[in-house]
Amino acid sequence: MRWLLFLLTTLICAPGVYAEVETKQVIQQQLADGSLDSAEDSVEEWVKKEPKNAEAWHTRGVVMAQQAQNAFFSAMSYAGKSVESFEKAVELAPDSIKYRRALMQFYLMAPSIAGGDDEKALAQIEKMMALDPAQGALAKVGYFRKHEKMTEAESLLEETIAAHPDNADVLLYAGLQKQRAEEFDTALKLFGRAVNGISDDGSAVSMALYQIGKTAVLAESHIDAGIDALNNYLEKASLENLPEPHWAQFRKAQLLALKGDTETSEQLLAELKNVNDEELQEQLAQ
């Protein structure tokens, strides 16, 4: 089920995953708490009340995918419910890049027995390209990478950057690829361009600030720039669907330690010990 873990990470971190404020906050918190059955009950009630609401169906797809990730005997059943939900969201809102991206990612990442289908993934990519050439191109880059066509992926990404030099989403995506390849200086330059780029909802700009801080930690360099970026990130009014503030504080503490300010670093780390985040607590225990 590693494909589901990747899919969930992508979907949950995508901008605007939840739109209807009250319902979204309830379900998001239930997912964060690991209360999957409660999240399933909530989303089923939502689609029952609002069967024409594309966001409700999209959210159902996310919840069912997470149920599949944690199930054993019923994993395939949940996977089927997930893909049918993503398909319904696209049917109700065919011009939504977000919903088509989610459906494309399911088709691309899932094994065929669970509903994966390369041809259907490519069909969604073509639709995305018609709606938003930059987002469609990034989806195609992901398709190439999934199939280990790295030369094609790199070439298309470079073409996309050249065609959309101020698109924060494109620059953020490229920066993340360089970060994973441990090309930290190049990653930092791309994230810096993303911060000054254009983003429809501002999420790519905010994420780029966080990634500057994280990359500074990984590179153990550009420490002051990393701290400044994290401070800027923490000042943002809305952090929805982005790393929680405690993660920015954790990265900041790491950078302060690298800078030699052990006292302030330890103070920040101490404040994080009671945060309800299992992954963070694992990091703190190391």
C-alpha atoms as a PDB file:
ATOM      1  CA  MET A   1       0.000   0.000   0.000  1.00  0.00           C
ATOM      2  CA  ARG A   2       2.975   2.360  -0.391  1.00  0.00           C
ATOM      3  CA  TRP A   3       1.229   3.880  -3.416  1.00  0.00           C
ATOM      4  CA  LEU A   4      -1.603   5.002  -1.125  1.00  0.00           C
ATOM      5  CA  LEU A   5       0.799   6.661   1.301  1.00  0.00           C
ATOM      6  CA  PHE A   6       2.270   8.683  -1.561  1.00  0.00           C
ATOM      7  CA  LEU A   7      -1.180   9.533  -2.893  1.00  0.00           C
ATOM      8  CA  LEU A   8      -2.435  10.672   0.502  1.00  0.00           C
ATOM      9  CA  THR A   9       0.593  12.864   1.100  1.00  0.00           C
ATOM     10  CA  THR A  10       0.017  14.556  -2.228  1.00  0.00           C
ATOM     11  CA  LEU A  11      -3.709  15.033  -1.769  1.00  0.00           C
ATOM     12  CA  ILE A  12      -3.704  16.159   1.826  1.00  0.00           C
ATOM     13  CA  CYS A  13      -0.986  18.702   1.164  1.00  0.00           C
ATOM     14  CA  ALA A  14      -2.527  20.010  -2.016  1.00  0.00           C
ATOM     15  CA  PRO A  15      -3.894  23.577  -1.854  1.00  0.00           C
ATOM     16  CA  GLY A  16      -7.597  23.872  -1.181  1.00  0.00           C
ATOM     17  CA  VAL A  17      -8.288  20.222  -0.391  1.00  0.00           C
ATOM     18  CA  TYR A  18     -11.147  21.240   1.914  1.00  0.00           C
ATOM     19  CA  ALA A  19     -13.368  24.162   1.012  1.00  0.00           C
ATOM     20  CA  GLU A  20     -16.525  24.202   3.157  1.00  0.00           C
ATOM     21  CA  VAL A  21     -15.129  25.594   6.383  1.00  0.00           C
ATOM     22  CA  GLU A  22     -17.024  23.885   9.193  1.00  0.00           C
ATOM     23  CA  THR A  23     -17.290  20.447   7.607  1.00  0.00           C
ATOM     24  CA  LYS A  24     -13.761  20.539   6.296  1.00  0.00           C
ATOM     25  CA  GLN A  25     -12.308  21.444   9.678  1.00  0.00           C
ATOM     26  CA  VAL A  26     -14.149  18.596  11.377  1.00  0.00           C
ATOM     27  CA  ILE A  27     -12.988  16.014   8.836  1.00  0.00           C
ATOM     28  CA  GLN A  28      -9.472  17.396   8.653  1.00  0.00           C
ATOM     29  CA  GLN A  29      -9.146  17.170  12.432  1.00  0.00           C
ATOM     30  CA  GLN A  30     -10.570  13.648  12.453  1.00  0.00           C
ATOM     31  CA  LEU A  31      -7.983  12.594   9.871  1.00  0.00           C
ATOM     32  CA  ALA A  32      -5.199  14.294  11.817  1.00  0.00           C
ATOM     33  CA  ASP A  33      -6.305  12.500  14.988  1.00  0.00           C
ATOM     34  CA  GLY A  34      -6.428   9.157  13.210  1.00  0.00           C
ATOM     35  CA  SER A  35     -10.188   8.894  13.778  1.00  0.00           C
ATOM     36  CA  LEU A  36     -10.769   7.393  10.357  1.00  0.00           C
ATOM     37  CA  ASP A  37     -14.142   5.819  11.077  1.00  0.00           C
ATOM     38  CA  SER A  38     -15.436   9.148  12.377  1.00  0.00           C
ATOM     39  CA  ALA A  39     -14.065  10.900   9.290  1.00  0.00           C
ATOM     40  CA  GLU A  40     -15.799   8.306   7.116  1.00  0.00           C
ATOM     41  CA  ASP A  41     -19.107   8.854   8.926  1.00  0.00           C
ATOM     42  CA  SER A  42     -18.767  12.627   8.578  1.00  0.00           C
ATOM     43  CA  VAL A  43     -17.991  12.580   4.883  1.00  0.00           C
ATOM     44  CA  GLU A  44     -20.723  10.061   4.120  1.00  0.00           C
ATOM     45  CA  GLU A  45     -23.205  12.356   5.837  1.00  0.00           C
ATOM     46  CA  TRP A  46     -21.838  15.275   3.817  1.00  0.00           C
ATOM     47  CA  VAL A  47     -22.282  13.615   0.414  1.00  0.00           C
ATOM     48  CA  LYS A  48     -25.731  12.391   1.462  1.00  0.00           C
ATOM     49  CA  LYS A  49     -26.795  15.937   2.328  1.00  0.00           C
ATOM     50  CA  GLU A  50     -25.078  17.528  -0.671  1.00  0.00           C
ATOM     51  CA  PRO A  51     -24.854  14.938  -3.454  1.00  0.00           C
ATOM     52  CA  LYS A  52     -24.047  17.616  -6.047  1.00  0.00           C
ATOM     53  CA  ASN A  53     -21.158  19.075  -4.068  1.00  0.00           C
ATOM     54  CA  ALA A  54     -17.898  18.226  -5.860  1.00  0.00           C
ATOM     55  CA  GLU A  55     -15.790  19.146  -2.836  1.00  0.00           C
ATOM     56  CA  ALA A  56     -17.711  16.691  -0.683  1.00  0.00           C
ATOM     57  CA  TRP A  57     -17.001  13.882  -3.155  1.00  0.00           C
ATOM     58  CA  HIS A  58     -13.355  14.875  -3.442  1.00  0.00           C
ATOM     59  CA  THR A  59     -13.014  14.799   0.335  1.00  0.00           C
ATOM     60  CA  ARG A  60     -14.715  11.401   0.394  1.00  0.00           C
ATOM     61  CA  GLY A  61     -12.022  10.198  -2.005  1.00  0.00           C
ATOM     62  CA  VAL A  62      -9.295  11.376   0.369  1.00  0.00           C
ATOM     63  CA  VAL A  63     -10.948   9.760   3.393  1.00  0.00           C
ATOM     64  CA  MET A  64     -11.534   6.447   1.614  1.00  0.00           C
ATOM     65  CA  ALA A  65      -7.938   6.408   0.383  1.00  0.00           C
ATOM     66  CA  GLN A  66      -6.738   6.827   3.949  1.00  0.00           C
ATOM     67  CA  GLN A  67      -9.068   4.051   5.093  1.00  0.00           C
ATOM     68  CA  ALA A  68      -7.591   1.816   2.398  1.00  0.00           C
ATOM     69  CA  GLN A  69      -4.097   2.679   3.625  1.00  0.00           C
ATOM     70  CA  ASN A  70      -4.984   1.444   7.102  1.00  0.00           C
ATOM     71  CA  ALA A  71      -7.216  -1.499   6.177  1.00  0.00           C
ATOM     72  CA  PHE A  72      -6.283  -5.054   5.234  1.00  0.00           C
ATOM     73  CA  PHE A  73      -9.185  -7.224   4.168  1.00  0.00           C
ATOM     74  CA  SER A  74     -11.281  -4.227   3.060  1.00  0.00           C
ATOM     75  CA  ALA A  75      -8.462  -2.232   1.419  1.00  0.00           C
ATOM     76  CA  MET A  76      -9.599  -2.901  -2.144  1.00  0.00           C
ATOM     77  CA  SER A  77     -13.176  -1.973  -1.289  1.00  0.00           C
ATOM     78  CA  TYR A  78     -12.041   1.345   0.134  1.00  0.00           C
ATOM     79  CA  ALA A  79      -9.784   1.953  -2.862  1.00  0.00           C
ATOM     80  CA  GLY A  80     -12.800   1.451  -5.128  1.00  0.00           C
ATOM     81  CA  LYS A  81     -14.820   3.945  -3.106  1.00  0.00           C
ATOM     82  CA  SER A  82     -11.922   6.390  -3.318  1.00  0.00           C
ATOM     83  CA  VAL A  83     -11.603   6.343  -7.090  1.00  0.00           C
ATOM     84  CA  GLU A  84     -15.370   6.498  -7.658  1.00  0.00           C
ATOM     85  CA  SER A  85     -15.451   9.561  -5.399  1.00  0.00           C
ATOM     86  CA  PHE A  86     -12.670  11.305  -7.317  1.00  0.00           C
ATOM     87  CA  GLU A  87     -14.444  10.465 -10.578  1.00  0.00           C
ATOM     88  CA  LYS A  88     -17.688  11.921  -9.240  1.00  0.00           C
ATOM     89  CA  ALA A  89     -15.937  15.145  -8.217  1.00  0.00           C
ATOM     90  CA  VAL A  90     -14.582  15.537 -11.766  1.00  0.00           C
ATOM     91  CA  GLU A  91     -18.006  14.782 -13.220  1.00  0.00           C
ATOM     92  CA  LEU A  92     -19.560  17.540 -11.097  1.00  0.00           C
ATOM     93  CA  ALA A  93     -16.768  20.089 -11.659  1.00  0.00           C
ATOM     94  CA  PRO A  94     -14.988  19.178 -14.918  1.00  0.00           C
ATOM     95  CA  ASP A  95     -13.046  22.453 -15.063  1.00  0.00           C
ATOM     96  CA  SER A  96     -11.381  21.939 -11.691  1.00  0.00           C
ATOM     97  CA  ILE A  97      -7.657  21.285 -11.914  1.00  0.00           C
ATOM     98  CA  LYS A  98      -7.625  20.139  -8.294  1.00  0.00           C
ATOM     99  CA  TYR A  99     -10.174  17.383  -8.839  1.00  0.00           C
ATOM    100  CA  ARG A 100      -8.610  16.214 -12.081  1.00  0.00           C
ATOM    101  CA  ARG A 101      -5.186  16.166 -10.423  1.00  0.00           C
ATOM    102  CA  ALA A 102      -6.490  13.963  -7.614  1.00  0.00           C
ATOM    103  CA  LEU A 103      -8.107  11.549 -10.059  1.00  0.00           C
ATOM    104  CA  MET A 104      -4.993  11.490 -12.244  1.00  0.00           C
ATOM    105  CA  GLN A 105      -2.797  10.735  -9.245  1.00  0.00           C
ATOM    106  CA  PHE A 106      -5.027   7.854  -8.208  1.00  0.00           C
ATOM    107  CA  TYR A 107      -4.941   6.331 -11.696  1.00  0.00           C
ATOM    108  CA  LEU A 108      -1.170   6.819 -11.844  1.00  0.00           C
ATOM    109  CA  MET A 109      -0.207   5.540  -8.402  1.00  0.00           C
ATOM    110  CA  ALA A 110      -2.684   2.724  -7.768  1.00  0.00           C
ATOM    111  CA  PRO A 111      -2.041  -0.826  -9.039  1.00  0.00           C
ATOM    112  CA  SER A 112      -4.447  -1.993 -11.721  1.00  0.00           C
ATOM    113  CA  ILE A 113      -6.219  -4.329  -9.287  1.00  0.00           C
ATOM    114  CA  ALA A 114      -7.163  -1.273  -7.207  1.00  0.00           C
ATOM    115  CA  GLY A 115      -8.252   0.888 -10.138  1.00  0.00           C
ATOM    116  CA  GLY A 116      -4.945   2.197 -11.448  1.00  0.00           C
ATOM    117  CA  ASP A 117      -4.828   2.859 -15.179  1.00  0.00           C
ATOM    118  CA  ASP A 118      -2.022   4.589 -17.096  1.00  0.00           C
ATOM    119  CA  GLU A 119      -4.199   5.439 -20.085  1.00  0.00           C
ATOM    120  CA  LYS A 120      -6.797   7.072 -17.862  1.00  0.00           C
ATOM    121  CA  ALA A 121      -4.030   8.984 -16.067  1.00  0.00           C
ATOM    122  CA  LEU A 122      -2.750  10.317 -19.393  1.00  0.00           C
ATOM    123  CA  ALA A 123      -6.286  11.288 -20.414  1.00  0.00           C
ATOM    124  CA  GLN A 124      -6.598  13.375 -17.254  1.00  0.00           C
ATOM    125  CA  ILE A 125      -3.211  14.976 -17.926  1.00  0.00           C
ATOM    126  CA  GLU A 126      -4.369  16.024 -21.385  1.00  0.00           C
ATOM    127  CA  LYS A 127      -7.512  17.568 -19.882  1.00  0.00           C
ATOM    128  CA  MET A 128      -5.371  19.391 -17.318  1.00  0.00           C
ATOM    129  CA  MET A 129      -3.099  20.753 -20.031  1.00  0.00           C
ATOM    130  CA  ALA A 130      -6.110  22.187 -21.834  1.00  0.00           C
ATOM    131  CA  LEU A 131      -7.319  23.858 -18.627  1.00  0.00           C
ATOM    132  CA  ASP A 132      -3.946  24.990 -17.263  1.00  0.00           C
ATOM    133  CA  PRO A 133      -0.821  24.320 -19.346  1.00  0.00           C
ATOM    134  CA  ALA A 134       1.559  24.746 -16.406  1.00  0.00           C
ATOM    135  CA  GLN A 135      -0.304  22.370 -14.089  1.00  0.00           C
ATOM    136  CA  GLY A 136      -0.791  19.904 -16.917  1.00  0.00           C
ATOM    137  CA  ALA A 137       2.926  19.961 -17.671  1.00  0.00           C
ATOM    138  CA  LEU A 138       3.789  19.313 -14.019  1.00  0.00           C
ATOM    139  CA  ALA A 139       1.400  16.375 -14.037  1.00  0.00           C
ATOM    140  CA  LYS A 140       3.163  15.031 -17.136  1.00  0.00           C
ATOM    141  CA  VAL A 141       6.529  15.437 -15.397  1.00  0.00           C
ATOM    142  CA  GLY A 142       5.145  13.349 -12.537  1.00  0.00           C
ATOM    143  CA  TYR A 143       3.976  10.733 -15.019  1.00  0.00           C
ATOM    144  CA  PHE A 144       7.456  10.504 -16.539  1.00  0.00           C
ATOM    145  CA  ARG A 145       9.070  10.250 -13.109  1.00  0.00           C
ATOM    146  CA  LYS A 146       6.670   7.497 -12.045  1.00  0.00           C
ATOM    147  CA  HIS A 147       7.787   5.493 -15.075  1.00  0.00           C
ATOM    148  CA  GLU A 148      11.463   6.338 -14.454  1.00  0.00           C
ATOM    149  CA  LYS A 149      11.740   8.368 -17.651  1.00  0.00           C
ATOM    150  CA  MET A 150      14.011  10.854 -15.943  1.00  0.00           C
ATOM    151  CA  THR A 151      15.469  12.414 -19.088  1.00  0.00           C
ATOM    152  CA  GLU A 152      11.999  13.222 -20.410  1.00  0.00           C
ATOM    153  CA  ALA A 153      10.908  14.467 -16.978  1.00  0.00           C
ATOM    154  CA  GLU A 154      13.889  16.797 -16.599  1.00  0.00           C
ATOM    155  CA  SER A 155      13.549  18.116 -20.143  1.00  0.00           C
ATOM    156  CA  LEU A 156       9.846  18.860 -19.763  1.00  0.00           C
ATOM    157  CA  LEU A 157      10.388  20.506 -16.386  1.00  0.00           C
ATOM    158  CA  GLU A 158      13.051  22.812 -17.823  1.00  0.00           C
ATOM    159  CA  GLU A 159      10.709  23.685 -20.705  1.00  0.00           C
ATOM    160  CA  THR A 160       7.920  24.410 -18.234  1.00  0.00           C
ATOM    161  CA  ILE A 161      10.114  26.702 -16.142  1.00  0.00           C
ATOM    162  CA  ALA A 162      11.139  28.571 -19.295  1.00  0.00           C
ATOM    163  CA  ALA A 163       7.521  28.909 -20.406  1.00  0.00           C
ATOM    164  CA  HIS A 164       6.269  29.940 -16.949  1.00  0.00           C
ATOM    165  CA  PRO A 165       9.236  31.687 -15.270  1.00  0.00           C
ATOM    166  CA  ASP A 166       7.092  33.475 -12.660  1.00  0.00           C
ATOM    167  CA  ASN A 167       4.723  30.614 -11.818  1.00  0.00           C
ATOM    168  CA  ALA A 168       5.266  29.869  -8.116  1.00  0.00           C
ATOM    169  CA  ASP A 169       3.768  26.370  -8.394  1.00  0.00           C
ATOM    170  CA  VAL A 170       6.196  25.433 -11.166  1.00  0.00           C
ATOM    171  CA  LEU A 171       9.193  26.892  -9.333  1.00  0.00           C
ATOM    172  CA  LEU A 172       8.187  25.200  -6.071  1.00  0.00           C
ATOM    173  CA  TYR A 173       7.825  21.834  -7.803  1.00  0.00           C
ATOM    174  CA  ALA A 174      11.224  22.219  -9.467  1.00  0.00           C
ATOM    175  CA  GLY A 175      12.795  23.239  -6.165  1.00  0.00           C
ATOM    176  CA  LEU A 176      11.419  20.164  -4.433  1.00  0.00           C
ATOM    177  CA  GLN A 177      12.913  17.929  -7.116  1.00  0.00           C
ATOM    178  CA  LYS A 178      16.311  19.545  -6.617  1.00  0.00           C
ATOM    179  CA  GLN A 179      15.959  19.266  -2.845  1.00  0.00           C
ATOM    180  CA  ARG A 180      15.306  15.501  -3.138  1.00  0.00           C
ATOM    181  CA  ALA A 181      18.363  15.228  -5.385  1.00  0.00           C
ATOM    182  CA  GLU A 182      20.370  17.052  -2.669  1.00  0.00           C
ATOM    183  CA  GLU A 183      21.156  19.888  -5.076  1.00  0.00           C
ATOM    184  CA  PHE A 184      20.519  22.339  -2.293  1.00  0.00           C
ATOM    185  CA  ASP A 185      21.939  25.538  -3.797  1.00  0.00           C
ATOM    186  CA  THR A 186      19.801  25.129  -6.906  1.00  0.00           C
ATOM    187  CA  ALA A 187      16.779  24.260  -4.768  1.00  0.00           C
ATOM    188  CA  LEU A 188      17.219  27.412  -2.696  1.00  0.00           C
ATOM    189  CA  LYS A 189      17.414  29.566  -5.814  1.00  0.00           C
ATOM    190  CA  LEU A 190      14.207  28.057  -7.163  1.00  0.00           C
ATOM    191  CA  PHE A 191      12.396  28.464  -3.838  1.00  0.00           C
ATOM    192  CA  GLY A 192      13.585  32.070  -3.711  1.00  0.00           C
ATOM    193  CA  ARG A 193      12.105  32.696  -7.147  1.00  0.00           C
ATOM    194  CA  ALA A 194       8.874  31.009  -6.049  1.00  0.00           C
ATOM    195  CA  VAL A 195       8.560  33.364  -3.077  1.00  0.00           C
ATOM    196  CA  ASN A 196       8.531  36.256  -5.540  1.00  0.00           C
ATOM    197  CA  GLY A 197       6.397  34.419  -8.067  1.00  0.00           C
ATOM    198  CA  ILE A 198       2.708  34.327  -8.876  1.00  0.00           C
ATOM    199  CA  SER A 199       0.399  31.934  -7.049  1.00  0.00           C
ATOM    200  CA  ASP A 200      -3.392  31.843  -7.370  1.00  0.00           C
ATOM    201  CA  ASP A 201      -4.029  31.258  -3.680  1.00  0.00           C
ATOM    202  CA  GLY A 202      -0.619  32.084  -2.219  1.00  0.00           C
ATOM    203  CA  SER A 203       0.000  28.551  -0.975  1.00  0.00           C
ATOM    204  CA  ALA A 204       2.988  27.916  -3.259  1.00  0.00           C
ATOM    205  CA  VAL A 205       4.640  31.121  -2.038  1.00  0.00           C
ATOM    206  CA  SER A 206       4.105  30.143   1.596  1.00  0.00           C
ATOM    207  CA  MET A 207       5.328  26.598   0.992  1.00  0.00           C
ATOM    208  CA  ALA A 208       8.453  27.962  -0.698  1.00  0.00           C
ATOM    209  CA  LEU A 209       9.243  29.956   2.463  1.00  0.00           C
ATOM    210  CA  TYR A 210       8.976  26.810   4.566  1.00  0.00           C
ATOM    211  CA  GLN A 211      11.110  24.854   2.104  1.00  0.00           C
ATOM    212  CA  ILE A 212      13.848  27.494   2.218  1.00  0.00           C
ATOM    213  CA  GLY A 213      14.068  26.845   5.953  1.00  0.00           C
ATOM    214  CA  LYS A 214      13.983  23.079   5.566  1.00  0.00           C
ATOM    215  CA  THR A 215      16.599  23.146   2.798  1.00  0.00           C
ATOM    216  CA  ALA A 216      18.890  25.303   4.936  1.00  0.00           C
ATOM    217  CA  VAL A 217      18.668  22.596   7.610  1.00  0.00           C
ATOM    218  CA  LEU A 218      19.446  19.838   5.121  1.00  0.00           C
ATOM    219  CA  ALA A 219      22.326  21.786   3.583  1.00  0.00           C
ATOM    220  CA  GLU A 220      23.579  23.094   6.930  1.00  0.00           C
ATOM    221  CA  SER A 221      24.147  26.417   5.193  1.00  0.00           C
ATOM    222  CA  HIS A 222      22.310  29.665   4.379  1.00  0.00           C
ATOM    223  CA  ILE A 223      21.237  29.551   8.024  1.00  0.00           C
ATOM    224  CA  ASP A 224      20.224  33.209   8.430  1.00  0.00           C
ATOM    225  CA  ALA A 225      18.225  33.106   5.199  1.00  0.00           C
ATOM    226  CA  GLY A 226      16.514  29.962   6.426  1.00  0.00           C
ATOM    227  CA  ILE A 227      15.566  31.543   9.763  1.00  0.00           C
ATOM    228  CA  ASP A 228      14.250  34.667   8.029  1.00  0.00           C
ATOM    229  CA  ALA A 229      12.138  32.551   5.690  1.00  0.00           C
ATOM    230  CA  LEU A 230      10.647  30.547   8.564  1.00  0.00           C
ATOM    231  CA  ASN A 231       9.847  33.714  10.501  1.00  0.00           C
ATOM    232  CA  ASN A 232       8.103  35.060   7.410  1.00  0.00           C
ATOM    233  CA  TYR A 233       6.229  31.775   7.039  1.00  0.00           C
ATOM    234  CA  LEU A 234       5.032  31.895  10.639  1.00  0.00           C
ATOM    235  CA  GLU A 235       3.670  35.409  10.124  1.00  0.00           C
ATOM    236  CA  LYS A 236       1.318  34.274   7.359  1.00  0.00           C
ATOM    237  CA  ALA A 237      -2.335  34.689   8.285  1.00  0.00           C
ATOM    238  CA  SER A 238      -3.469  31.405   6.714  1.00  0.00           C
ATOM    239  CA  LEU A 239      -1.490  28.197   6.898  1.00  0.00           C
ATOM    240  CA  GLU A 240      -4.272  25.868   5.804  1.00  0.00           C
ATOM    241  CA  ASN A 241      -3.053  22.739   4.019  1.00  0.00           C
ATOM    242  CA  LEU A 242       0.563  23.734   4.632  1.00  0.00           C
ATOM    243  CA  PRO A 243       3.019  22.436   7.253  1.00  0.00           C
ATOM    244  CA  GLU A 244       1.775  23.228  10.745  1.00  0.00           C
ATOM    245  CA  PRO A 245       3.482  26.109  12.581  1.00  0.00           C
ATOM    246  CA  HIS A 246       5.160  23.662  14.963  1.00  0.00           C
ATOM    247  CA  TRP A 247       7.098  22.209  12.036  1.00  0.00           C
ATOM    248  CA  ALA A 248       8.399  25.661  11.152  1.00  0.00           C
ATOM    249  CA  GLN A 249       9.382  26.119  14.794  1.00  0.00           C
ATOM    250  CA  PHE A 250      11.171  22.769  14.727  1.00  0.00           C
ATOM    251  CA  ARG A 251      13.138  23.733  11.602  1.00  0.00           C
ATOM    252  CA  LYS A 252      13.945  27.083  13.185  1.00  0.00           C
ATOM    253  CA  ALA A 253      15.256  25.346  16.303  1.00  0.00           C
ATOM    254  CA  GLN A 254      17.469  23.155  14.130  1.00  0.00           C
ATOM    255  CA  LEU A 255      18.892  26.203  12.377  1.00  0.00           C
ATOM    256  CA  LEU A 256      19.511  28.026  15.641  1.00  0.00           C
ATOM    257  CA  ALA A 257      21.432  24.979  16.875  1.00  0.00           C
ATOM    258  CA  LEU A 258      23.521  25.029  13.707  1.00  0.00           C
ATOM    259  CA  LYS A 259      24.147  28.727  14.295  1.00  0.00           C
ATOM    260  CA  GLY A 260      25.384  27.998  17.808  1.00  0.00           C
ATOM    261  CA  ASP A 261      22.424  29.509  19.674  1.00  0.00           C
ATOM    262  CA  THR A 262      21.878  26.374  21.731  1.00  0.00           C
ATOM    263  CA  GLU A 263      19.875  28.059  24.476  1.00  0.00           C
ATOM    264  CA  THR A 264      17.160  29.460  22.200  1.00  0.00           C
ATOM    265  CA  SER A 265      17.086  26.239  20.193  1.00  0.00           C
ATOM    266  CA  GLU A 266      16.519  24.151  23.312  1.00  0.00           C
ATOM    267  CA  GLN A 267      13.774  26.520  24.489  1.00  0.00           C
ATOM    268  CA  LEU A 268      11.913  26.091  21.214  1.00  0.00           C
ATOM    269  CA  LEU A 269      12.331  22.314  21.288  1.00  0.00           C
ATOM    270  CA  ALA A 270      11.037  22.171  24.862  1.00  0.00           C
ATOM    271  CA  GLU A 271       7.903  24.048  23.798  1.00  0.00           C
ATOM    272  CA  LEU A 272       7.262  21.424  21.123  1.00  0.00           C
ATOM    273  CA  LYS A 273       7.346  18.392  23.425  1.00  0.00           C
ATOM    274  CA  ASN A 274       3.625  18.576  24.168  1.00  0.00           C
ATOM    275  CA  VAL A 275       2.510  19.015  20.549  1.00  0.00           C
ATOM    276  CA  ASN A 276       0.163  16.256  19.401  1.00  0.00           C
ATOM    277  CA  ASP A 277       2.081  15.186  16.306  1.00  0.00           C
ATOM    278  CA  GLU A 278       3.516  11.678  16.270  1.00  0.00           C
ATOM    279  CA  GLU A 279       6.001  12.353  13.475  1.00  0.00           C
ATOM    280  CA  LEU A 280       7.281  15.478  15.200  1.00  0.00           C
ATOM    281  CA  GLN A 281       7.697  13.634  18.489  1.00  0.00           C
ATOM    282  CA  GLU A 282       9.706  10.940  16.706  1.00  0.00           C
ATOM    283  CA  GLN A 283      11.972  13.647  15.320  1.00  0.00           C
ATOM    284  CA  LEU A 284      12.375  15.223  18.754  1.00  0.00           C
ATOM    285  CA  ALA A 285      13.305  11.852  20.265  1.00  0.00           C
ATOM    286  CA  GLN A 286      16.218  11.363  17.882  1.00  0.00           C
END
